[in-house]
Amino acid sequence: MWAQLGTVRFELIETPESVRQRDKWDYVEHRVLDEKSHLQKMGKSLQELTLKIKLSTAFGSDPQKLLSVIYENAEREEPLPFILGDGTIIGKYVIEEVVKEWKRTDNKGRLLSVELEIKLKEWN
C-alpha cells in the first residue's frame, strides 16, 4: 500500500502521479490615512494537498468501485486520516473537491480508465 485516506487504500500501481502541497501564511493589511499600509500577521492557513491519480482496469483495479469509495468518504463530510504506507500519519483532511476526467469506457459506457484530482484540506 502506498497510502490510505479514510477507507480508500492507494496501492502501488495507483500511486498519485503527483502530490502538491500548499502551505500559506496569512496577513491582513490595515490602511492608514496618508501613510503606507501596515501588515498584521494572522497565522498559518490550513494545509492543502492535491493528489493526481490515474485509475484503470489495466492496472487490475475497478475504477468505478474506487471512485464510489472516494465519493462516499467525501459525502460523509468528516475528517479522514491520511497515512503513508510506512505508517507515517500525515494528518486529518477533508475531501474538498474531486475532479475526474474519463479517459476510456467500454461499449456499454462502463468506466475503464479515469484521471482524478483530489483536493484535500487539513482538518484542525
PDB file of N, CA and C in Angstrom:
ATOM      1  N   MET A   1       0.845  -1.181   0.000  1.00  0.00           N
ATOM      2  CA  MET A   1       0.000   0.000   0.000  1.00  0.00           C
ATOM      3  C   MET A   1       0.890   1.243   0.000  1.00  0.00           C
ATOM      4  N   TRP A   2       0.550   2.218  -0.871  1.00  0.00           N
ATOM      5  CA  TRP A   2       1.297   3.473  -0.902  1.00  0.00           C
ATOM      6  C   TRP A   2       0.809   4.405   0.194  1.00  0.00           C
ATOM      7  N   ALA A   3      -0.531   4.528   0.320  1.00  0.00           N
ATOM      8  CA  ALA A   3      -1.115   5.402   1.335  1.00  0.00           C
ATOM      9  C   ALA A   3      -2.582   5.043   1.514  1.00  0.00           C
ATOM     10  N   GLN A   4      -3.169   5.604   2.579  1.00  0.00           N
ATOM     11  CA  GLN A   4      -4.583   5.394   2.836  1.00  0.00           C
ATOM     12  C   GLN A   4      -5.191   6.720   3.272  1.00  0.00           C
ATOM     13  N   LEU A   5      -6.372   7.042   2.715  1.00  0.00           N
ATOM     14  CA  LEU A   5      -7.140   8.214   3.093  1.00  0.00           C
ATOM     15  C   LEU A   5      -8.504   7.726   3.525  1.00  0.00           C
ATOM     16  N   GLY A   6      -8.754   7.746   4.818  1.00  0.00           N
ATOM     17  CA  GLY A   6     -10.003   7.182   5.320  1.00  0.00           C
ATOM     18  C   GLY A   6     -10.040   5.704   4.982  1.00  0.00           C
ATOM     19  N   THR A   7     -11.069   5.267   4.266  1.00  0.00           N
ATOM     20  CA  THR A   7     -11.183   3.854   3.882  1.00  0.00           C
ATOM     21  C   THR A   7     -10.626   3.571   2.496  1.00  0.00           C
ATOM     22  N   VAL A   8     -10.090   4.603   1.827  1.00  0.00           N
ATOM     23  CA  VAL A   8      -9.549   4.433   0.474  1.00  0.00           C
ATOM     24  C   VAL A   8      -8.073   4.076   0.577  1.00  0.00           C
ATOM     25  N   ARG A   9      -7.729   2.909   0.042  1.00  0.00           N
ATOM     26  CA  ARG A   9      -6.332   2.468   0.018  1.00  0.00           C
ATOM     27  C   ARG A   9      -5.779   2.636  -1.384  1.00  0.00           C
ATOM     28  N   PHE A  10      -4.663   3.353  -1.477  1.00  0.00           N
ATOM     29  CA  PHE A  10      -3.996   3.520  -2.756  1.00  0.00           C
ATOM     30  C   PHE A  10      -2.864   2.509  -2.816  1.00  0.00           C
ATOM     31  N   GLU A  11      -3.002   1.570  -3.730  1.00  0.00           N
ATOM     32  CA  GLU A  11      -1.979   0.547  -3.883  1.00  0.00           C
ATOM     33  C   GLU A  11      -0.843   1.104  -4.734  1.00  0.00           C
ATOM     34  N   LEU A  12       0.253   0.396  -4.797  1.00  0.00           N
ATOM     35  CA  LEU A  12       1.434   0.884  -5.502  1.00  0.00           C
ATOM     36  C   LEU A  12       1.131   1.248  -6.948  1.00  0.00           C
ATOM     37  N   ILE A  13       0.307   0.473  -7.603  1.00  0.00           N
ATOM     38  CA  ILE A  13       0.003   0.717  -9.017  1.00  0.00           C
ATOM     39  C   ILE A  13      -0.858   1.975  -9.184  1.00  0.00           C
ATOM     40  N   GLU A  14      -1.565   2.389  -8.119  1.00  0.00           N
ATOM     41  CA  GLU A  14      -2.463   3.540  -8.177  1.00  0.00           C
ATOM     42  C   GLU A  14      -1.873   4.751  -7.460  1.00  0.00           C
ATOM     43  N   THR A  15      -0.561   4.780  -7.279  1.00  0.00           N
ATOM     44  CA  THR A  15       0.041   5.912  -6.575  1.00  0.00           C
ATOM     45  C   THR A  15      -0.183   7.192  -7.369  1.00  0.00           C
ATOM     46  N   PRO A  16      -0.317   8.302  -6.677  1.00  0.00           N
ATOM     47  CA  PRO A  16      -0.509   9.565  -7.394  1.00  0.00           C
ATOM     48  C   PRO A  16       0.662   9.880  -8.316  1.00  0.00           C
ATOM     49  N   GLU A  17       0.335  10.460  -9.465  1.00  0.00           N
ATOM     50  CA  GLU A  17       1.375  10.957 -10.364  1.00  0.00           C
ATOM     51  C   GLU A  17       2.102  12.101  -9.688  1.00  0.00           C
ATOM     52  N   SER A  18       1.353  12.875  -8.911  1.00  0.00           N
ATOM     53  CA  SER A  18       1.958  13.973  -8.173  1.00  0.00           C
ATOM     54  C   SER A  18       1.121  14.266  -6.938  1.00  0.00           C
ATOM     55  N   VAL A  19       1.789  14.811  -5.945  1.00  0.00           N
ATOM     56  CA  VAL A  19       1.130  15.300  -4.742  1.00  0.00           C
ATOM     57  C   VAL A  19       1.616  16.734  -4.573  1.00  0.00           C
ATOM     58  N   ARG A  20       0.699  17.666  -4.660  1.00  0.00           N
ATOM     59  CA  ARG A  20       1.061  19.079  -4.492  1.00  0.00           C
ATOM     60  C   ARG A  20       0.617  19.523  -3.106  1.00  0.00           C
ATOM     61  N   GLN A  21       1.537  20.109  -2.366  1.00  0.00           N
ATOM     62  CA  GLN A  21       1.258  20.585  -1.016  1.00  0.00           C
ATOM     63  C   GLN A  21       1.306  22.102  -1.019  1.00  0.00           C
ATOM     64  N   ARG A  22       0.325  22.721  -0.385  1.00  0.00           N
ATOM     65  CA  ARG A  22       0.286  24.185  -0.317  1.00  0.00           C
ATOM     66  C   ARG A  22       0.285  24.612   1.134  1.00  0.00           C
ATOM     67  N   ASP A  23       1.298  25.362   1.520  1.00  0.00           N
ATOM     68  CA  ASP A  23       1.379  25.966   2.842  1.00  0.00           C
ATOM     69  C   ASP A  23       1.308  27.474   2.642  1.00  0.00           C
ATOM     70  N   LYS A  24       0.557  28.154   3.500  1.00  0.00           N
ATOM     71  CA  LYS A  24       0.335  29.582   3.308  1.00  0.00           C
ATOM     72  C   LYS A  24       0.279  30.267   4.670  1.00  0.00           C
ATOM     73  N   TRP A  25       0.823  31.489   4.714  1.00  0.00           N
ATOM     74  CA  TRP A  25       0.768  32.306   5.915  1.00  0.00           C
ATOM     75  C   TRP A  25      -0.083  33.526   5.601  1.00  0.00           C
ATOM     76  N   ASP A  26      -1.036  33.827   6.486  1.00  0.00           N
ATOM     77  CA  ASP A  26      -1.997  34.895   6.218  1.00  0.00           C
ATOM     78  C   ASP A  26      -1.601  36.202   6.898  1.00  0.00           C
ATOM     79  N   TYR A  27      -1.859  37.294   6.177  1.00  0.00           N
ATOM     80  CA  TYR A  27      -1.630  38.642   6.683  1.00  0.00           C
ATOM     81  C   TYR A  27      -2.844  39.499   6.341  1.00  0.00           C
ATOM     82  N   VAL A  28      -3.143  40.447   7.212  1.00  0.00           N
ATOM     83  CA  VAL A  28      -4.203  41.413   6.968  1.00  0.00           C
ATOM     84  C   VAL A  28      -3.537  42.765   6.757  1.00  0.00           C
ATOM     85  N   GLU A  29      -4.025  43.484   5.774  1.00  0.00           N
ATOM     86  CA  GLU A  29      -3.482  44.815   5.506  1.00  0.00           C
ATOM     87  C   GLU A  29      -4.389  45.871   6.128  1.00  0.00           C
ATOM     88  N   HIS A  30      -3.800  46.729   6.961  1.00  0.00           N
ATOM     89  CA  HIS A  30      -4.540  47.830   7.580  1.00  0.00           C
ATOM     90  C   HIS A  30      -4.126  49.122   6.886  1.00  0.00           C
ATOM     91  N   ARG A  31      -5.085  49.757   6.281  1.00  0.00           N
ATOM     92  CA  ARG A  31      -4.798  51.013   5.584  1.00  0.00           C
ATOM     93  C   ARG A  31      -4.754  52.149   6.599  1.00  0.00           C
ATOM     94  N   VAL A  32      -3.794  53.062   6.392  1.00  0.00           N
ATOM     95  CA  VAL A  32      -3.605  54.198   7.287  1.00  0.00           C
ATOM     96  C   VAL A  32      -3.652  55.468   6.445  1.00  0.00           C
ATOM     97  N   LEU A  33      -4.385  56.449   6.901  1.00  0.00           N
ATOM     98  CA  LEU A  33      -4.537  57.704   6.168  1.00  0.00           C
ATOM     99  C   LEU A  33      -3.188  58.407   6.020  1.00  0.00           C
ATOM    100  N   ASP A  34      -2.850  58.755   4.807  1.00  0.00           N
ATOM    101  CA  ASP A  34      -1.624  59.488   4.467  1.00  0.00           C
ATOM    102  C   ASP A  34      -0.345  58.755   4.841  1.00  0.00           C
ATOM    103  N   GLU A  35      -0.393  57.458   5.018  1.00  0.00           N
ATOM    104  CA  GLU A  35       0.801  56.651   5.301  1.00  0.00           C
ATOM    105  C   GLU A  35       0.700  55.346   4.533  1.00  0.00           C
ATOM    106  N   LYS A  36       1.804  54.632   4.523  1.00  0.00           N
ATOM    107  CA  LYS A  36       1.765  53.283   3.948  1.00  0.00           C
ATOM    108  C   LYS A  36       0.930  52.374   4.838  1.00  0.00           C
ATOM    109  N   SER A  37       0.325  51.389   4.216  1.00  0.00           N
ATOM    110  CA  SER A  37      -0.448  50.398   4.979  1.00  0.00           C
ATOM    111  C   SER A  37       0.472  49.595   5.886  1.00  0.00           C
ATOM    112  N   HIS A  38      -0.125  48.968   6.885  1.00  0.00           N
ATOM    113  CA  HIS A  38       0.611  48.104   7.802  1.00  0.00           C
ATOM    114  C   HIS A  38       0.074  46.684   7.666  1.00  0.00           C
ATOM    115  N   LEU A  39       0.972  45.720   7.768  1.00  0.00           N
ATOM    116  CA  LEU A  39       0.564  44.314   7.741  1.00  0.00           C
ATOM    117  C   LEU A  39       0.521  43.757   9.156  1.00  0.00           C
ATOM    118  N   GLN A  40      -0.476  42.904   9.376  1.00  0.00           N
ATOM    119  CA  GLN A  40      -0.574  42.196  10.657  1.00  0.00           C
ATOM    120  C   GLN A  40      -0.622  40.715  10.344  1.00  0.00           C
ATOM    121  N   LYS A  41       0.283  39.953  10.953  1.00  0.00           N
ATOM    122  CA  LYS A  41       0.261  38.516  10.689  1.00  0.00           C
ATOM    123  C   LYS A  41      -0.908  37.878  11.428  1.00  0.00           C
ATOM    124  N   MET A  42      -1.542  36.961  10.747  1.00  0.00           N
ATOM    125  CA  MET A  42      -2.735  36.306  11.283  1.00  0.00           C
ATOM    126  C   MET A  42      -2.487  34.833  11.603  1.00  0.00           C
ATOM    127  N   GLY A  43      -1.386  34.279  11.127  1.00  0.00           N
ATOM    128  CA  GLY A  43      -1.108  32.873  11.390  1.00  0.00           C
ATOM    129  C   GLY A  43      -1.060  32.067  10.107  1.00  0.00           C
ATOM    130  N   LYS A  44      -0.876  30.806  10.285  1.00  0.00           N
ATOM    131  CA  LYS A  44      -0.738  29.904   9.152  1.00  0.00           C
ATOM    132  C   LYS A  44      -2.103  29.367   8.729  1.00  0.00           C
ATOM    133  N   SER A  45      -2.326  29.332   7.432  1.00  0.00           N
ATOM    134  CA  SER A  45      -3.563  28.748   6.893  1.00  0.00           C
ATOM    135  C   SER A  45      -3.512  27.234   7.000  1.00  0.00           C
ATOM    136  N   LEU A  46      -4.649  26.617   6.802  1.00  0.00           N
ATOM    137  CA  LEU A  46      -4.707  25.164   6.785  1.00  0.00           C
ATOM    138  C   LEU A  46      -3.990  24.644   5.541  1.00  0.00           C
ATOM    139  N   GLN A  47      -3.296  23.539   5.708  1.00  0.00           N
ATOM    140  CA  GLN A  47      -2.553  22.950   4.593  1.00  0.00           C
ATOM    141  C   GLN A  47      -3.515  22.354   3.566  1.00  0.00           C
ATOM    142  N   GLU A  48      -3.133  22.450   2.312  1.00  0.00           N
ATOM    143  CA  GLU A  48      -3.912  21.862   1.226  1.00  0.00           C
ATOM    144  C   GLU A  48      -3.040  20.876   0.469  1.00  0.00           C
ATOM    145  N   LEU A  49      -3.618  19.726   0.130  1.00  0.00           N
ATOM    146  CA  LEU A  49      -2.934  18.717  -0.674  1.00  0.00           C
ATOM    147  C   LEU A  49      -3.775  18.443  -1.909  1.00  0.00           C
ATOM    148  N   THR A  50      -3.120  18.256  -3.040  1.00  0.00           N
ATOM    149  CA  THR A  50      -3.806  17.864  -4.268  1.00  0.00           C
ATOM    150  C   THR A  50      -3.143  16.596  -4.781  1.00  0.00           C
ATOM    151  N   LEU A  51      -3.924  15.522  -4.893  1.00  0.00           N
ATOM    152  CA  LEU A  51      -3.432  14.239  -5.392  1.00  0.00           C
ATOM    153  C   LEU A  51      -3.910  14.059  -6.827  1.00  0.00           C
ATOM    154  N   LYS A  52      -2.997  13.780  -7.745  1.00  0.00           N
ATOM    155  CA  LYS A  52      -3.369  13.462  -9.125  1.00  0.00           C
ATOM    156  C   LYS A  52      -3.132  11.976  -9.324  1.00  0.00           C
ATOM    157  N   ILE A  53      -4.207  11.256  -9.669  1.00  0.00           N
ATOM    158  CA  ILE A  53      -4.171   9.798  -9.717  1.00  0.00           C
ATOM    159  C   ILE A  53      -4.819   9.289 -10.996  1.00  0.00           C
ATOM    160  N   LYS A  54      -4.249   8.224 -11.565  1.00  0.00           N
ATOM    161  CA  LYS A  54      -4.865   7.523 -12.690  1.00  0.00           C
ATOM    162  C   LYS A  54      -5.391   6.185 -12.179  1.00  0.00           C
ATOM    163  N   LEU A  55      -6.630   5.884 -12.499  1.00  0.00           N
ATOM    164  CA  LEU A  55      -7.226   4.592 -12.186  1.00  0.00           C
ATOM    165  C   LEU A  55      -7.577   3.915 -13.494  1.00  0.00           C
ATOM    166  N   SER A  56      -7.266   2.621 -13.586  1.00  0.00           N
ATOM    167  CA  SER A  56      -7.541   1.924 -14.840  1.00  0.00           C
ATOM    168  C   SER A  56      -7.717   0.435 -14.581  1.00  0.00           C
ATOM    169  N   THR A  57      -8.595  -0.166 -15.367  1.00  0.00           N
ATOM    170  CA  THR A  57      -8.743  -1.616 -15.295  1.00  0.00           C
ATOM    171  C   THR A  57      -7.449  -2.298 -15.756  1.00  0.00           C
ATOM    172  N   ALA A  58      -6.641  -1.599 -16.547  1.00  0.00           N
ATOM    173  CA  ALA A  58      -5.360  -2.154 -16.999  1.00  0.00           C
ATOM    174  C   ALA A  58      -4.411  -2.375 -15.817  1.00  0.00           C
ATOM    175  N   PHE A  59      -4.647  -1.656 -14.706  1.00  0.00           N
ATOM    176  CA  PHE A  59      -3.835  -1.821 -13.503  1.00  0.00           C
ATOM    177  C   PHE A  59      -4.395  -2.925 -12.606  1.00  0.00           C
ATOM    178  N   GLY A  60      -5.493  -3.547 -13.035  1.00  0.00           N
ATOM    179  CA  GLY A  60      -6.095  -4.613 -12.243  1.00  0.00           C
ATOM    180  C   GLY A  60      -7.070  -4.103 -11.205  1.00  0.00           C
ATOM    181  N   SER A  61      -7.416  -2.828 -11.265  1.00  0.00           N
ATOM    182  CA  SER A  61      -8.373  -2.285 -10.291  1.00  0.00           C
ATOM    183  C   SER A  61      -9.701  -1.988 -10.972  1.00  0.00           C
ATOM    184  N   ASP A  62     -10.687  -1.679 -10.169  1.00  0.00           N
ATOM    185  CA  ASP A  62     -12.009  -1.314 -10.672  1.00  0.00           C
ATOM    186  C   ASP A  62     -12.193   0.182 -10.419  1.00  0.00           C
ATOM    187  N   PRO A  63     -11.943   1.026 -11.442  1.00  0.00           N
ATOM    188  CA  PRO A  63     -12.024   2.474 -11.243  1.00  0.00           C
ATOM    189  C   PRO A  63     -13.368   2.941 -10.679  1.00  0.00           C
ATOM    190  N   GLN A  64     -14.450   2.362 -11.153  1.00  0.00           N
ATOM    191  CA  GLN A  64     -15.766   2.794 -10.690  1.00  0.00           C
ATOM    192  C   GLN A  64     -15.960   2.494  -9.206  1.00  0.00           C
ATOM    193  N   LYS A  65     -15.496   1.336  -8.782  1.00  0.00           N
ATOM    194  CA  LYS A  65     -15.628   0.950  -7.370  1.00  0.00           C
ATOM    195  C   LYS A  65     -14.806   1.884  -6.480  1.00  0.00           C
ATOM    196  N   LEU A  66     -13.565   2.163  -6.877  1.00  0.00           N
ATOM    197  CA  LEU A  66     -12.712   3.049  -6.085  1.00  0.00           C
ATOM    198  C   LEU A  66     -13.271   4.473  -6.076  1.00  0.00           C
ATOM    199  N   LEU A  67     -13.798   4.926  -7.206  1.00  0.00           N
ATOM    200  CA  LEU A  67     -14.446   6.239  -7.255  1.00  0.00           C
ATOM    201  C   LEU A  67     -15.612   6.317  -6.285  1.00  0.00           C
ATOM    202  N   SER A  68     -16.403   5.266  -6.222  1.00  0.00           N
ATOM    203  CA  SER A  68     -17.549   5.228  -5.306  1.00  0.00           C
ATOM    204  C   SER A  68     -17.096   5.376  -3.866  1.00  0.00           C
ATOM    205  N   VAL A  69     -16.019   4.702  -3.500  1.00  0.00           N
ATOM    206  CA  VAL A  69     -15.498   4.781  -2.130  1.00  0.00           C
ATOM    207  C   VAL A  69     -14.983   6.192  -1.841  1.00  0.00           C
ATOM    208  N   ILE A  70     -14.295   6.796  -2.810  1.00  0.00           N
ATOM    209  CA  ILE A  70     -13.799   8.168  -2.633  1.00  0.00           C
ATOM    210  C   ILE A  70     -14.976   9.120  -2.416  1.00  0.00           C
ATOM    211  N   TYR A  71     -16.031   8.988  -3.228  1.00  0.00           N
ATOM    212  CA  TYR A  71     -17.197   9.853  -3.084  1.00  0.00           C
ATOM    213  C   TYR A  71     -17.938   9.598  -1.774  1.00  0.00           C
ATOM    214  N   GLU A  72     -18.031   8.342  -1.339  1.00  0.00           N
ATOM    215  CA  GLU A  72     -18.659   8.042  -0.047  1.00  0.00           C
ATOM    216  C   GLU A  72     -17.911   8.751   1.076  1.00  0.00           C
ATOM    217  N   ASN A  73     -16.574   8.712   1.031  1.00  0.00           N
ATOM    218  CA  ASN A  73     -15.771   9.397   2.046  1.00  0.00           C
ATOM    219  C   ASN A  73     -16.006  10.903   1.995  1.00  0.00           C
ATOM    220  N   ALA A  74     -16.085  11.471   0.797  1.00  0.00           N
ATOM    221  CA  ALA A  74     -16.311  12.912   0.653  1.00  0.00           C
ATOM    222  C   ALA A  74     -17.695  13.306   1.169  1.00  0.00           C
ATOM    223  N   GLU A  75     -18.697  12.499   0.855  1.00  0.00           N
ATOM    224  CA  GLU A  75     -20.077  12.796   1.254  1.00  0.00           C
ATOM    225  C   GLU A  75     -20.269  12.755   2.765  1.00  0.00           C
ATOM    226  N   ARG A  76     -19.443  11.992   3.473  1.00  0.00           N
ATOM    227  CA  ARG A  76     -19.550  11.931   4.936  1.00  0.00           C
ATOM    228  C   ARG A  76     -19.188  13.257   5.588  1.00  0.00           C
ATOM    229  N   GLU A  77     -18.419  14.077   4.848  1.00  0.00           N
ATOM    230  CA  GLU A  77     -18.017  15.399   5.336  1.00  0.00           C
ATOM    231  C   GLU A  77     -17.369  15.310   6.716  1.00  0.00           C
ATOM    232  N   GLU A  78     -16.498  14.333   6.877  1.00  0.00           N
ATOM    233  CA  GLU A  78     -15.781  14.138   8.134  1.00  0.00           C
ATOM    234  C   GLU A  78     -14.286  14.133   7.847  1.00  0.00           C
ATOM    235  N   PRO A  79     -13.481  14.508   8.852  1.00  0.00           N
ATOM    236  CA  PRO A  79     -12.028  14.433   8.655  1.00  0.00           C
ATOM    237  C   PRO A  79     -11.577  12.986   8.502  1.00  0.00           C
ATOM    238  N   LEU A  80     -10.643  12.776   7.569  1.00  0.00           N
ATOM    239  CA  LEU A  80     -10.136  11.439   7.283  1.00  0.00           C
ATOM    240  C   LEU A  80      -8.642  11.399   7.580  1.00  0.00           C
ATOM    241  N   PRO A  81      -8.180  10.344   8.225  1.00  0.00           N
ATOM    242  CA  PRO A  81      -6.733  10.241   8.433  1.00  0.00           C
ATOM    243  C   PRO A  81      -6.037   9.948   7.109  1.00  0.00           C
ATOM    244  N   PHE A  82      -4.927  10.627   6.865  1.00  0.00           N
ATOM    245  CA  PHE A  82      -4.105  10.392   5.678  1.00  0.00           C
ATOM    246  C   PHE A  82      -2.805   9.782   6.170  1.00  0.00           C
ATOM    247  N   ILE A  83      -2.585   8.515   5.824  1.00  0.00           N
ATOM    248  CA  ILE A  83      -1.474   7.731   6.358  1.00  0.00           C
ATOM    249  C   ILE A  83      -0.671   7.146   5.215  1.00  0.00           C
ATOM    250  N   LEU A  84       0.648   7.322   5.253  1.00  0.00           N
ATOM    251  CA  LEU A  84       1.511   6.725   4.239  1.00  0.00           C
ATOM    252  C   LEU A  84       1.688   5.241   4.516  1.00  0.00           C
ATOM    253  N   GLY A  85       2.126   4.515   3.508  1.00  0.00           N
ATOM    254  CA  GLY A  85       2.292   3.065   3.616  1.00  0.00           C
ATOM    255  C   GLY A  85       3.266   2.639   4.693  1.00  0.00           C
ATOM    256  N   ASP A  86       4.218   3.504   5.051  1.00  0.00           N
ATOM    257  CA  ASP A  86       5.177   3.156   6.107  1.00  0.00           C
ATOM    258  C   ASP A  86       4.640   3.442   7.501  1.00  0.00           C
ATOM    259  N   GLY A  87       3.374   3.900   7.575  1.00  0.00           N
ATOM    260  CA  GLY A  87       2.751   4.171   8.867  1.00  0.00           C
ATOM    261  C   GLY A  87       2.814   5.631   9.298  1.00  0.00           C
ATOM    262  N   THR A  88       3.502   6.466   8.526  1.00  0.00           N
ATOM    263  CA  THR A  88       3.590   7.889   8.866  1.00  0.00           C
ATOM    264  C   THR A  88       2.217   8.541   8.734  1.00  0.00           C
ATOM    265  N   ILE A  89       1.753   9.165   9.804  1.00  0.00           N
ATOM    266  CA  ILE A  89       0.467   9.857   9.779  1.00  0.00           C
ATOM    267  C   ILE A  89       0.714  11.295   9.338  1.00  0.00           C
ATOM    268  N   ILE A  90       0.171  11.651   8.183  1.00  0.00           N
ATOM    269  CA  ILE A  90       0.337  12.996   7.647  1.00  0.00           C
ATOM    270  C   ILE A  90      -0.580  13.964   8.390  1.00  0.00           C
ATOM    271  N   GLY A  91      -1.774  13.511   8.725  1.00  0.00           N
ATOM    272  CA  GLY A  91      -2.740  14.342   9.442  1.00  0.00           C
ATOM    273  C   GLY A  91      -4.152  13.964   9.060  1.00  0.00           C
ATOM    274  N   LYS A  92      -5.098  14.790   9.485  1.00  0.00           N
ATOM    275  CA  LYS A  92      -6.505  14.580   9.130  1.00  0.00           C
ATOM    276  C   LYS A  92      -6.902  15.626   8.096  1.00  0.00           C
ATOM    277  N   TYR A  93      -7.621  15.154   7.083  1.00  0.00           N
ATOM    278  CA  TYR A  93      -8.019  16.009   5.968  1.00  0.00           C
ATOM    279  C   TYR A  93      -9.464  15.728   5.583  1.00  0.00           C
ATOM    280  N   VAL A  94     -10.101  16.727   5.003  1.00  0.00           N
ATOM    281  CA  VAL A  94     -11.413  16.524   4.387  1.00  0.00           C
ATOM    282  C   VAL A  94     -11.210  16.581   2.876  1.00  0.00           C
ATOM    283  N   ILE A  95     -12.055  15.857   2.163  1.00  0.00           N
ATOM    284  CA  ILE A  95     -12.033  15.926   0.704  1.00  0.00           C
ATOM    285  C   ILE A  95     -12.847  17.148   0.325  1.00  0.00           C
ATOM    286  N   GLU A  96     -12.164  18.120  -0.242  1.00  0.00           N
ATOM    287  CA  GLU A  96     -12.798  19.384  -0.586  1.00  0.00           C
ATOM    288  C   GLU A  96     -13.341  19.381  -2.014  1.00  0.00           C
ATOM    289  N   GLU A  97     -12.667  18.622  -2.891  1.00  0.00           N
ATOM    290  CA  GLU A  97     -13.085  18.623  -4.298  1.00  0.00           C
ATOM    291  C   GLU A  97     -12.523  17.391  -4.996  1.00  0.00           C
ATOM    292  N   VAL A  98     -13.303  16.845  -5.913  1.00  0.00           N
ATOM    293  CA  VAL A  98     -12.849  15.750  -6.773  1.00  0.00           C
ATOM    294  C   VAL A  98     -13.125  16.157  -8.221  1.00  0.00           C
ATOM    295  N   VAL A  99     -12.075  16.164  -9.007  1.00  0.00           N
ATOM    296  CA  VAL A  99     -12.222  16.453 -10.438  1.00  0.00           C
ATOM    297  C   VAL A  99     -11.845  15.172 -11.165  1.00  0.00           C
ATOM    298  N   LYS A 100     -12.719  14.684 -12.028  1.00  0.00           N
ATOM    299  CA  LYS A 100     -12.416  13.448 -12.751  1.00  0.00           C
ATOM    300  C   LYS A 100     -12.524  13.673 -14.251  1.00  0.00           C
ATOM    301  N   GLU A 101     -11.640  13.032 -14.948  1.00  0.00           N
ATOM    302  CA  GLU A 101     -11.652  13.087 -16.409  1.00  0.00           C
ATOM    303  C   GLU A 101     -11.700  11.655 -16.928  1.00  0.00           C
ATOM    304  N   TRP A 102     -12.823  11.309 -17.540  1.00  0.00           N
ATOM    305  CA  TRP A 102     -12.977   9.968 -18.093  1.00  0.00           C
ATOM    306  C   TRP A 102     -12.043   9.836 -19.284  1.00  0.00           C
ATOM    307  N   LYS A 103     -11.244   8.769 -19.286  1.00  0.00           N
ATOM    308  CA  LYS A 103     -10.305   8.547 -20.381  1.00  0.00           C
ATOM    309  C   LYS A 103     -10.769   7.439 -21.321  1.00  0.00           C
ATOM    310  N   ARG A 104     -11.371   6.396 -20.732  1.00  0.00           N
ATOM    311  CA  ARG A 104     -11.841   5.266 -21.551  1.00  0.00           C
ATOM    312  C   ARG A 104     -13.049   4.605 -20.915  1.00  0.00           C
ATOM    313  N   THR A 105     -13.978   4.194 -21.776  1.00  0.00           N
ATOM    314  CA  THR A 105     -15.117   3.389 -21.328  1.00  0.00           C
ATOM    315  C   THR A 105     -15.236   2.200 -22.271  1.00  0.00           C
ATOM    316  N   ASP A 106     -16.009   1.211 -21.855  1.00  0.00           N
ATOM    317  CA  ASP A 106     -16.264   0.110 -22.778  1.00  0.00           C
ATOM    318  C   ASP A 106     -17.482   0.464 -23.635  1.00  0.00           C
ATOM    319  N   ASN A 107     -17.928  -0.471 -24.468  1.00  0.00           N
ATOM    320  CA  ASN A 107     -19.035  -0.182 -25.392  1.00  0.00           C
ATOM    321  C   ASN A 107     -20.387  -0.029 -24.684  1.00  0.00           C
ATOM    322  N   LYS A 108     -20.432  -0.299 -23.385  1.00  0.00           N
ATOM    323  CA  LYS A 108     -21.665  -0.122 -22.613  1.00  0.00           C
ATOM    324  C   LYS A 108     -21.572   1.112 -21.706  1.00  0.00           C
ATOM    325  N   GLY A 109     -20.490   1.860 -21.816  1.00  0.00           N
ATOM    326  CA  GLY A 109     -20.332   3.079 -21.024  1.00  0.00           C
ATOM    327  C   GLY A 109     -19.713   2.870 -19.654  1.00  0.00           C
ATOM    328  N   ARG A 110     -19.271   1.632 -19.357  1.00  0.00           N
ATOM    329  CA  ARG A 110     -18.630   1.380 -18.068  1.00  0.00           C
ATOM    330  C   ARG A 110     -17.226   1.986 -18.075  1.00  0.00           C
ATOM    331  N   LEU A 111     -16.881   2.600 -16.984  1.00  0.00           N
ATOM    332  CA  LEU A 111     -15.609   3.300 -16.866  1.00  0.00           C
ATOM    333  C   LEU A 111     -14.438   2.320 -16.807  1.00  0.00           C
ATOM    334  N   LEU A 112     -13.476   2.494 -17.715  1.00  0.00           N
ATOM    335  CA  LEU A 112     -12.284   1.651 -17.754  1.00  0.00           C
ATOM    336  C   LEU A 112     -11.040   2.399 -17.291  1.00  0.00           C
ATOM    337  N   SER A 113     -10.998   3.693 -17.543  1.00  0.00           N
ATOM    338  CA  SER A 113      -9.832   4.492 -17.175  1.00  0.00           C
ATOM    339  C   SER A 113     -10.271   5.917 -16.854  1.00  0.00           C
ATOM    340  N   VAL A 114      -9.744   6.459 -15.755  1.00  0.00           N
ATOM    341  CA  VAL A 114     -10.107   7.804 -15.319  1.00  0.00           C
ATOM    342  C   VAL A 114      -8.896   8.463 -14.660  1.00  0.00           C
ATOM    343  N   GLU A 115      -8.771   9.770 -14.849  1.00  0.00           N
ATOM    344  CA  GLU A 115      -7.756  10.548 -14.151  1.00  0.00           C
ATOM    345  C   GLU A 115      -8.469  11.415 -13.118  1.00  0.00           C
ATOM    346  N   LEU A 116      -7.946  11.392 -11.900  1.00  0.00           N
ATOM    347  CA  LEU A 116      -8.561  12.128 -10.798  1.00  0.00           C
ATOM    348  C   LEU A 116      -7.635  13.200 -10.264  1.00  0.00           C
ATOM    349  N   GLU A 117      -8.240  14.255  -9.778  1.00  0.00           N
ATOM    350  CA  GLU A 117      -7.534  15.252  -8.987  1.00  0.00           C
ATOM    351  C   GLU A 117      -8.357  15.393  -7.715  1.00  0.00           C
ATOM    352  N   ILE A 118      -7.790  14.975  -6.593  1.00  0.00           N
ATOM    353  CA  ILE A 118      -8.484  15.021  -5.313  1.00  0.00           C
ATOM    354  C   ILE A 118      -7.859  16.125  -4.479  1.00  0.00           C
ATOM    355  N   LYS A 119      -8.668  17.118  -4.110  1.00  0.00           N
ATOM    356  CA  LYS A 119      -8.173  18.233  -3.302  1.00  0.00           C
ATOM    357  C   LYS A 119      -8.574  18.006  -1.845  1.00  0.00           C
ATOM    358  N   LEU A 120      -7.571  18.039  -0.990  1.00  0.00           N
ATOM    359  CA  LEU A 120      -7.763  17.811   0.434  1.00  0.00           C
ATOM    360  C   LEU A 120      -7.428  19.079   1.203  1.00  0.00           C
ATOM    361  N   LYS A 121      -8.134  19.299   2.301  1.00  0.00           N
ATOM    362  CA  LYS A 121      -7.826  20.432   3.182  1.00  0.00           C
ATOM    363  C   LYS A 121      -7.649  19.888   4.594  1.00  0.00           C
ATOM    364  N   GLU A 122      -6.606  20.376   5.229  1.00  0.00           N
ATOM    365  CA  GLU A 122      -6.262  19.948   6.588  1.00  0.00           C
ATOM    366  C   GLU A 122      -7.420  20.259   7.547  1.00  0.00           C
ATOM    367  N   TRP A 123      -7.669  19.318   8.430  1.00  0.00           N
ATOM    368  CA  TRP A 123      -8.690  19.491   9.477  1.00  0.00           C
ATOM    369  C   TRP A 123      -7.946  19.774  10.759  1.00  0.00           C
ATOM    370  N   ASN A 124      -8.292  20.901  11.380  1.00  0.00           N
ATOM    371  CA  ASN A 124      -7.587  21.279  12.601  1.00  0.00           C
ATOM    372  C   ASN A 124      -8.569  21.506  13.721  1.00  0.00           C
TER     373      ASN A 124
END
